[in-house]
Amino acid sequence: MRPINVCYFALLREKADVEQEVVHTSTQTYAELYEELSQKYHFGLPASMIQVAVNDEFSLMTETLLSNSKVVFIPPVAGG
């Protein structure tokens, strides 16, 4: 299990009811981590709609998880 610092925004923050947390996971990719968290918090958005930033840089959901990294899942947002 590797520790990952996960930050949530918008709808994901509302569903998780936390802004950030350290997650210990055995998942291999950011998509797998998102799916694990989505099941836990019932996000209701498929991974295909989510952007991920790792250590302050956008990344692909298919990239391999880096231990002790800062991961931000970003849902689609509407502006007005």
PDB file of N, CA and C in Angstrom:
ATOM      1  N   MET A   1       0.850  -1.180   0.000  1.00  0.00           N
ATOM      2  CA  MET A   1       0.000   0.000   0.000  1.00  0.00           C
ATOM      3  C   MET A   1       0.893   1.240   0.000  1.00  0.00           C
ATOM      4  N   ARG A   2       0.593   2.136  -0.917  1.00  0.00           N
ATOM      5  CA  ARG A   2       1.385   3.371  -0.979  1.00  0.00           C
ATOM      6  C   ARG A   2       0.512   4.564  -0.601  1.00  0.00           C
ATOM      7  N   PRO A   3       1.098   5.536   0.103  1.00  0.00           N
ATOM      8  CA  PRO A   3       0.340   6.731   0.490  1.00  0.00           C
ATOM      9  C   PRO A   3       0.272   7.739  -0.660  1.00  0.00           C
ATOM     10  N   ILE A   4      -0.913   8.272  -0.871  1.00  0.00           N
ATOM     11  CA  ILE A   4      -1.156   9.290  -1.888  1.00  0.00           C
ATOM     12  C   ILE A   4      -1.956  10.412  -1.238  1.00  0.00           C
ATOM     13  N   ASN A   5      -1.513  11.651  -1.408  1.00  0.00           N
ATOM     14  CA  ASN A   5      -2.248  12.802  -0.896  1.00  0.00           C
ATOM     15  C   ASN A   5      -3.247  13.224  -1.979  1.00  0.00           C
ATOM     16  N   VAL A   6      -4.528  13.037  -1.713  1.00  0.00           N
ATOM     17  CA  VAL A   6      -5.572  13.315  -2.700  1.00  0.00           C
ATOM     18  C   VAL A   6      -6.323  14.580  -2.315  1.00  0.00           C
ATOM     19  N   CYS A   7      -6.491  15.481  -3.294  1.00  0.00           N
ATOM     20  CA  CYS A   7      -7.275  16.704  -3.112  1.00  0.00           C
ATOM     21  C   CYS A   7      -8.509  16.625  -4.010  1.00  0.00           C
ATOM     22  N   TYR A   8      -9.604  17.149  -3.517  1.00  0.00           N
ATOM     23  CA  TYR A   8     -10.870  17.111  -4.254  1.00  0.00           C
ATOM     24  C   TYR A   8     -11.360  18.524  -4.530  1.00  0.00           C
ATOM     25  N   PHE A   9     -12.018  18.705  -5.674  1.00  0.00           N
ATOM     26  CA  PHE A   9     -12.608  19.988  -6.039  1.00  0.00           C
ATOM     27  C   PHE A   9     -14.066  19.810  -6.433  1.00  0.00           C
ATOM     28  N   ALA A  10     -14.819  20.883  -6.283  1.00  0.00           N
ATOM     29  CA  ALA A  10     -16.196  20.989  -6.774  1.00  0.00           C
ATOM     30  C   ALA A  10     -17.055  19.820  -6.292  1.00  0.00           C
ATOM     31  N   LEU A  11     -17.746  19.151  -7.209  1.00  0.00           N
ATOM     32  CA  LEU A  11     -18.654  18.064  -6.877  1.00  0.00           C
ATOM     33  C   LEU A  11     -17.966  16.954  -6.097  1.00  0.00           C
ATOM     34  N   LEU A  12     -16.714  16.661  -6.434  1.00  0.00           N
ATOM     35  CA  LEU A  12     -16.002  15.581  -5.749  1.00  0.00           C
ATOM     36  C   LEU A  12     -15.772  15.929  -4.278  1.00  0.00           C
ATOM     37  N   ARG A  13     -15.478  17.195  -4.004  1.00  0.00           N
ATOM     38  CA  ARG A  13     -15.294  17.629  -2.616  1.00  0.00           C
ATOM     39  C   ARG A  13     -16.601  17.512  -1.852  1.00  0.00           C
ATOM     40  N   GLU A  14     -17.691  17.878  -2.499  1.00  0.00           N
ATOM     41  CA  GLU A  14     -18.998  17.776  -1.846  1.00  0.00           C
ATOM     42  C   GLU A  14     -19.326  16.332  -1.505  1.00  0.00           C
ATOM     43  N   LYS A  15     -19.084  15.424  -2.446  1.00  0.00           N
ATOM     44  CA  LYS A  15     -19.393  14.003  -2.233  1.00  0.00           C
ATOM     45  C   LYS A  15     -18.490  13.385  -1.170  1.00  0.00           C
ATOM     46  N   ALA A  16     -17.192  13.696  -1.201  1.00  0.00           N
ATOM     47  CA  ALA A  16     -16.242  13.119  -0.247  1.00  0.00           C
ATOM     48  C   ALA A  16     -16.369  13.773   1.129  1.00  0.00           C
ATOM     49  N   ASP A  17     -16.870  14.995   1.152  1.00  0.00           N
ATOM     50  CA  ASP A  17     -17.026  15.774   2.375  1.00  0.00           C
ATOM     51  C   ASP A  17     -15.682  16.061   3.050  1.00  0.00           C
ATOM     52  N   VAL A  18     -14.621  16.095   2.247  1.00  0.00           N
ATOM     53  CA  VAL A  18     -13.286  16.498   2.705  1.00  0.00           C
ATOM     54  C   VAL A  18     -12.597  17.213   1.547  1.00  0.00           C
ATOM     55  N   GLU A  19     -11.680  18.124   1.870  1.00  0.00           N
ATOM     56  CA  GLU A  19     -10.928  18.814   0.822  1.00  0.00           C
ATOM     57  C   GLU A  19      -9.732  17.986   0.377  1.00  0.00           C
ATOM     58  N   GLN A  20      -9.121  17.280   1.327  1.00  0.00           N
ATOM     59  CA  GLN A  20      -7.974  16.440   0.998  1.00  0.00           C
ATOM     60  C   GLN A  20      -7.827  15.349   2.042  1.00  0.00           C
ATOM     61  N   GLU A  21      -7.118  14.301   1.673  1.00  0.00           N
ATOM     62  CA  GLU A  21      -6.864  13.200   2.584  1.00  0.00           C
ATOM     63  C   GLU A  21      -5.684  12.390   2.068  1.00  0.00           C
ATOM     64  N   VAL A  22      -5.060  11.652   2.965  1.00  0.00           N
ATOM     65  CA  VAL A  22      -4.021  10.714   2.560  1.00  0.00           C
ATOM     66  C   VAL A  22      -4.689   9.359   2.411  1.00  0.00           C
ATOM     67  N   VAL A  23      -4.551   8.784   1.221  1.00  0.00           N
ATOM     68  CA  VAL A  23      -5.151   7.498   0.911  1.00  0.00           C
ATOM     69  C   VAL A  23      -4.032   6.480   0.776  1.00  0.00           C
ATOM     70  N   HIS A  24      -4.198   5.331   1.394  1.00  0.00           N
ATOM     71  CA  HIS A  24      -3.246   4.228   1.242  1.00  0.00           C
ATOM     72  C   HIS A  24      -3.879   3.239   0.276  1.00  0.00           C
ATOM     73  N   THR A  25      -3.233   3.019  -0.850  1.00  0.00           N
ATOM     74  CA  THR A  25      -3.844   2.236  -1.921  1.00  0.00           C
ATOM     75  C   THR A  25      -2.855   1.266  -2.549  1.00  0.00           C
ATOM     76  N   SER A  26      -3.393   0.215  -3.112  1.00  0.00           N
ATOM     77  CA  SER A  26      -2.578  -0.732  -3.881  1.00  0.00           C
ATOM     78  C   SER A  26      -2.908  -0.631  -5.366  1.00  0.00           C
ATOM     79  N   THR A  27      -3.729   0.368  -5.746  1.00  0.00           N
ATOM     80  CA  THR A  27      -4.052   0.548  -7.159  1.00  0.00           C
ATOM     81  C   THR A  27      -2.797   0.934  -7.929  1.00  0.00           C
ATOM     82  N   GLN A  28      -2.821   0.735  -9.241  1.00  0.00           N
ATOM     83  CA  GLN A  28      -1.641   0.949 -10.069  1.00  0.00           C
ATOM     84  C   GLN A  28      -1.666   2.240 -10.879  1.00  0.00           C
ATOM     85  N   THR A  29      -2.860   2.725 -11.221  1.00  0.00           N
ATOM     86  CA  THR A  29      -2.974   3.921 -12.055  1.00  0.00           C
ATOM     87  C   THR A  29      -3.894   4.938 -11.382  1.00  0.00           C
ATOM     88  N   TYR A  30      -3.868   6.159 -11.895  1.00  0.00           N
ATOM     89  CA  TYR A  30      -4.744   7.196 -11.360  1.00  0.00           C
ATOM     90  C   TYR A  30      -6.209   6.883 -11.649  1.00  0.00           C
ATOM     91  N   ALA A  31      -6.478   6.241 -12.775  1.00  0.00           N
ATOM     92  CA  ALA A  31      -7.851   5.830 -13.098  1.00  0.00           C
ATOM     93  C   ALA A  31      -8.344   4.801 -12.083  1.00  0.00           C
ATOM     94  N   GLU A  32      -7.495   3.847 -11.730  1.00  0.00           N
ATOM     95  CA  GLU A  32      -7.877   2.839 -10.739  1.00  0.00           C
ATOM     96  C   GLU A  32      -8.099   3.483  -9.372  1.00  0.00           C
ATOM     97  N   LEU A  33      -7.245   4.438  -9.013  1.00  0.00           N
ATOM     98  CA  LEU A  33      -7.418   5.149  -7.747  1.00  0.00           C
ATOM     99  C   LEU A  33      -8.738   5.913  -7.759  1.00  0.00           C
ATOM    100  N   TYR A  34      -9.027   6.592  -8.864  1.00  0.00           N
ATOM    101  CA  TYR A  34     -10.291   7.328  -8.960  1.00  0.00           C
ATOM    102  C   TYR A  34     -11.472   6.373  -8.801  1.00  0.00           C
ATOM    103  N   GLU A  35     -11.417   5.215  -9.459  1.00  0.00           N
ATOM    104  CA  GLU A  35     -12.521   4.251  -9.364  1.00  0.00           C
ATOM    105  C   GLU A  35     -12.688   3.760  -7.924  1.00  0.00           C
ATOM    106  N   GLU A  36     -11.579   3.507  -7.246  1.00  0.00           N
ATOM    107  CA  GLU A  36     -11.637   3.082  -5.848  1.00  0.00           C
ATOM    108  C   GLU A  36     -12.309   4.152  -4.990  1.00  0.00           C
ATOM    109  N   LEU A  37     -11.912   5.395  -5.177  1.00  0.00           N
ATOM    110  CA  LEU A  37     -12.505   6.495  -4.411  1.00  0.00           C
ATOM    111  C   LEU A  37     -13.948   6.759  -4.826  1.00  0.00           C
ATOM    112  N   SER A  38     -14.241   6.572  -6.092  1.00  0.00           N
ATOM    113  CA  SER A  38     -15.600   6.767  -6.595  1.00  0.00           C
ATOM    114  C   SER A  38     -16.566   5.768  -5.959  1.00  0.00           C
ATOM    115  N   GLN A  39     -16.105   4.550  -5.778  1.00  0.00           N
ATOM    116  CA  GLN A  39     -16.948   3.547  -5.110  1.00  0.00           C
ATOM    117  C   GLN A  39     -17.158   3.913  -3.648  1.00  0.00           C
ATOM    118  N   LYS A  40     -16.112   4.409  -3.010  1.00  0.00           N
ATOM    119  CA  LYS A  40     -16.186   4.779  -1.596  1.00  0.00           C
ATOM    120  C   LYS A  40     -17.119   5.963  -1.373  1.00  0.00           C
ATOM    121  N   TYR A  41     -17.007   6.988  -2.247  1.00  0.00           N
ATOM    122  CA  TYR A  41     -17.748   8.233  -2.053  1.00  0.00           C
ATOM    123  C   TYR A  41     -18.933   8.416  -3.005  1.00  0.00           C
ATOM    124  N   HIS A  42     -19.160   7.481  -3.901  1.00  0.00           N
ATOM    125  CA  HIS A  42     -20.286   7.555  -4.843  1.00  0.00           C
ATOM    126  C   HIS A  42     -20.256   8.833  -5.670  1.00  0.00           C
ATOM    127  N   PHE A  43     -19.122   9.093  -6.320  1.00  0.00           N
ATOM    128  CA  PHE A  43     -18.958  10.316  -7.113  1.00  0.00           C
ATOM    129  C   PHE A  43     -19.975  10.428  -8.245  1.00  0.00           C
ATOM    130  N   GLY A  44     -20.286   9.335  -8.916  1.00  0.00           N
ATOM    131  CA  GLY A  44     -21.283   9.377  -9.981  1.00  0.00           C
ATOM    132  C   GLY A  44     -20.777   9.898 -11.311  1.00  0.00           C
ATOM    133  N   LEU A  45     -19.476  10.151 -11.434  1.00  0.00           N
ATOM    134  CA  LEU A  45     -18.887  10.583 -12.704  1.00  0.00           C
ATOM    135  C   LEU A  45     -17.874   9.534 -13.159  1.00  0.00           C
ATOM    136  N   PRO A  46     -17.932   9.135 -14.432  1.00  0.00           N
ATOM    137  CA  PRO A  46     -16.943   8.170 -14.913  1.00  0.00           C
ATOM    138  C   PRO A  46     -15.554   8.804 -14.997  1.00  0.00           C
ATOM    139  N   ALA A  47     -14.538   7.980 -14.882  1.00  0.00           N
ATOM    140  CA  ALA A  47     -13.146   8.458 -14.948  1.00  0.00           C
ATOM    141  C   ALA A  47     -12.877   9.204 -16.248  1.00  0.00           C
ATOM    142  N   SER A  48     -13.583   8.869 -17.300  1.00  0.00           N
ATOM    143  CA  SER A  48     -13.369   9.527 -18.593  1.00  0.00           C
ATOM    144  C   SER A  48     -13.734  11.012 -18.566  1.00  0.00           C
ATOM    145  N   MET A  49     -14.485  11.439 -17.550  1.00  0.00           N
ATOM    146  CA  MET A  49     -14.873  12.843 -17.437  1.00  0.00           C
ATOM    147  C   MET A  49     -13.968  13.628 -16.484  1.00  0.00           C
ATOM    148  N   ILE A  50     -12.988  12.956 -15.884  1.00  0.00           N
ATOM    149  CA  ILE A  50     -12.159  13.556 -14.848  1.00  0.00           C
ATOM    150  C   ILE A  50     -10.766  13.855 -15.385  1.00  0.00           C
ATOM    151  N   GLN A  51     -10.242  15.014 -15.014  1.00  0.00           N
ATOM    152  CA  GLN A  51      -8.840  15.355 -15.280  1.00  0.00           C
ATOM    153  C   GLN A  51      -8.060  15.048 -14.013  1.00  0.00           C
ATOM    154  N   VAL A  52      -6.777  14.749 -14.170  1.00  0.00           N
ATOM    155  CA  VAL A  52      -5.941  14.517 -12.997  1.00  0.00           C
ATOM    156  C   VAL A  52      -4.676  15.355 -13.099  1.00  0.00           C
ATOM    157  N   ALA A  53      -4.298  15.939 -11.983  1.00  0.00           N
ATOM    158  CA  ALA A  53      -3.023  16.647 -11.880  1.00  0.00           C
ATOM    159  C   ALA A  53      -2.204  15.937 -10.805  1.00  0.00           C
ATOM    160  N   VAL A  54      -0.938  15.702 -11.118  1.00  0.00           N
ATOM    161  CA  VAL A  54      -0.038  15.009 -10.204  1.00  0.00           C
ATOM    162  C   VAL A  54       1.144  15.930  -9.916  1.00  0.00           C
ATOM    163  N   ASN A  55       1.329  16.234  -8.658  1.00  0.00           N
ATOM    164  CA  ASN A  55       2.401  17.143  -8.247  1.00  0.00           C
ATOM    165  C   ASN A  55       2.371  18.435  -9.061  1.00  0.00           C
ATOM    166  N   ASP A  56       1.166  18.996  -9.185  1.00  0.00           N
ATOM    167  CA  ASP A  56       0.913  20.293  -9.829  1.00  0.00           C
ATOM    168  C   ASP A  56       1.104  20.303 -11.339  1.00  0.00           C
ATOM    169  N   GLU A  57       1.072  19.141 -11.986  1.00  0.00           N
ATOM    170  CA  GLU A  57       1.134  19.064 -13.452  1.00  0.00           C
ATOM    171  C   GLU A  57       0.055  18.107 -13.944  1.00  0.00           C
ATOM    172  N   PHE A  58      -0.635  18.492 -15.014  1.00  0.00           N
ATOM    173  CA  PHE A  58      -1.637  17.594 -15.568  1.00  0.00           C
ATOM    174  C   PHE A  58      -0.979  16.299 -16.019  1.00  0.00           C
ATOM    175  N   SER A  59      -1.705  15.211 -15.842  1.00  0.00           N
ATOM    176  CA  SER A  59      -1.205  13.886 -16.185  1.00  0.00           C
ATOM    177  C   SER A  59      -2.333  13.100 -16.838  1.00  0.00           C
ATOM    178  N   LEU A  60      -2.004  11.920 -17.300  1.00  0.00           N
ATOM    179  CA  LEU A  60      -3.003  11.014 -17.862  1.00  0.00           C
ATOM    180  C   LEU A  60      -3.510  10.081 -16.772  1.00  0.00           C
ATOM    181  N   MET A  61      -4.768   9.748 -16.832  1.00  0.00           N
ATOM    182  CA  MET A  61      -5.349   8.833 -15.853  1.00  0.00           C
ATOM    183  C   MET A  61      -4.714   7.443 -15.947  1.00  0.00           C
ATOM    184  N   THR A  62      -4.103   7.127 -17.081  1.00  0.00           N
ATOM    185  CA  THR A  62      -3.512   5.802 -17.283  1.00  0.00           C
ATOM    186  C   THR A  62      -2.070   5.697 -16.769  1.00  0.00           C
ATOM    187  N   GLU A  63      -1.508   6.821 -16.293  1.00  0.00           N
ATOM    188  CA  GLU A  63      -0.131   6.800 -15.781  1.00  0.00           C
ATOM    189  C   GLU A  63      -0.055   6.005 -14.474  1.00  0.00           C
ATOM    190  N   THR A  64       1.125   5.468 -14.201  1.00  0.00           N
ATOM    191  CA  THR A  64       1.365   4.713 -12.973  1.00  0.00           C
ATOM    192  C   THR A  64       1.436   5.652 -11.776  1.00  0.00           C
ATOM    193  N   LEU A  65       0.773   5.253 -10.699  1.00  0.00           N
ATOM    194  CA  LEU A  65       0.782   6.038  -9.466  1.00  0.00           C
ATOM    195  C   LEU A  65       2.186   6.210  -8.924  1.00  0.00           C
ATOM    196  N   LEU A  66       2.482   7.403  -8.459  1.00  0.00           N
ATOM    197  CA  LEU A  66       3.749   7.693  -7.795  1.00  0.00           C
ATOM    198  C   LEU A  66       3.486   7.801  -6.298  1.00  0.00           C
ATOM    199  N   SER A  67       4.220   7.049  -5.495  1.00  0.00           N
ATOM    200  CA  SER A  67       4.056   7.106  -4.043  1.00  0.00           C
ATOM    201  C   SER A  67       4.321   8.512  -3.535  1.00  0.00           C
ATOM    202  N   ASN A  68       3.607   8.880  -2.493  1.00  0.00           N
ATOM    203  CA  ASN A  68       3.760  10.179  -1.828  1.00  0.00           C
ATOM    204  C   ASN A  68       3.496  11.369  -2.744  1.00  0.00           C
ATOM    205  N   SER A  69       2.772  11.161  -3.815  1.00  0.00           N
ATOM    206  CA  SER A  69       2.480  12.269  -4.722  1.00  0.00           C
ATOM    207  C   SER A  69       1.213  13.000  -4.273  1.00  0.00           C
ATOM    208  N   LYS A  70       1.072  14.222  -4.769  1.00  0.00           N
ATOM    209  CA  LYS A  70      -0.134  15.022  -4.551  1.00  0.00           C
ATOM    210  C   LYS A  70      -0.991  14.848  -5.798  1.00  0.00           C
ATOM    211  N   VAL A  71      -2.180  14.300  -5.627  1.00  0.00           N
ATOM    212  CA  VAL A  71      -3.082  14.009  -6.738  1.00  0.00           C
ATOM    213  C   VAL A  71      -4.333  14.858  -6.589  1.00  0.00           C
ATOM    214  N   VAL A  72      -4.684  15.552  -7.658  1.00  0.00           N
ATOM    215  CA  VAL A  72      -5.892  16.360  -7.667  1.00  0.00           C
ATOM    216  C   VAL A  72      -6.800  15.847  -8.774  1.00  0.00           C
ATOM    217  N   PHE A  73      -7.980  15.393  -8.404  1.00  0.00           N
ATOM    218  CA  PHE A  73      -8.987  14.979  -9.392  1.00  0.00           C
ATOM    219  C   PHE A  73      -9.883  16.177  -9.666  1.00  0.00           C
ATOM    220  N   ILE A  74     -10.035  16.500 -10.935  1.00  0.00           N
ATOM    221  CA  ILE A  74     -10.759  17.712 -11.334  1.00  0.00           C
ATOM    222  C   ILE A  74     -11.954  17.324 -12.196  1.00  0.00           C
ATOM    223  N   PRO A  75     -13.163  17.517 -11.693  1.00  0.00           N
ATOM    224  CA  PRO A  75     -14.357  17.204 -12.475  1.00  0.00           C
ATOM    225  C   PRO A  75     -14.644  18.324 -13.465  1.00  0.00           C
ATOM    226  N   PRO A  76     -15.516  18.060 -14.431  1.00  0.00           N
ATOM    227  CA  PRO A  76     -15.904  19.143 -15.337  1.00  0.00           C
ATOM    228  C   PRO A  76     -16.639  20.228 -14.543  1.00  0.00           C
ATOM    229  N   VAL A  77     -16.411  21.464 -14.901  1.00  0.00           N
ATOM    230  CA  VAL A  77     -17.090  22.567 -14.226  1.00  0.00           C
ATOM    231  C   VAL A  77     -17.802  23.423 -15.256  1.00  0.00           C
ATOM    232  N   ALA A  78     -18.857  24.049 -14.816  1.00  0.00           N
ATOM    233  CA  ALA A  78     -19.613  24.948 -15.688  1.00  0.00           C
ATOM    234  C   ALA A  78     -19.380  26.370 -15.224  1.00  0.00           C
ATOM    235  N   GLY A  79     -19.269  27.248 -16.137  1.00  0.00           N
ATOM    236  CA  GLY A  79     -19.077  28.659 -15.791  1.00  0.00           C
ATOM    237  C   GLY A  79     -20.224  29.491 -16.317  1.00  0.00           C
ATOM    238  N   GLY A  80     -20.249  30.698 -15.891  1.00  0.00           N
ATOM    239  CA  GLY A  80     -21.345  31.517 -16.367  1.00  0.00           C
ATOM    240  C   GLY A  80     -21.033  32.964 -16.272  1.00  0.00           C
TER     241      GLY A  80
END
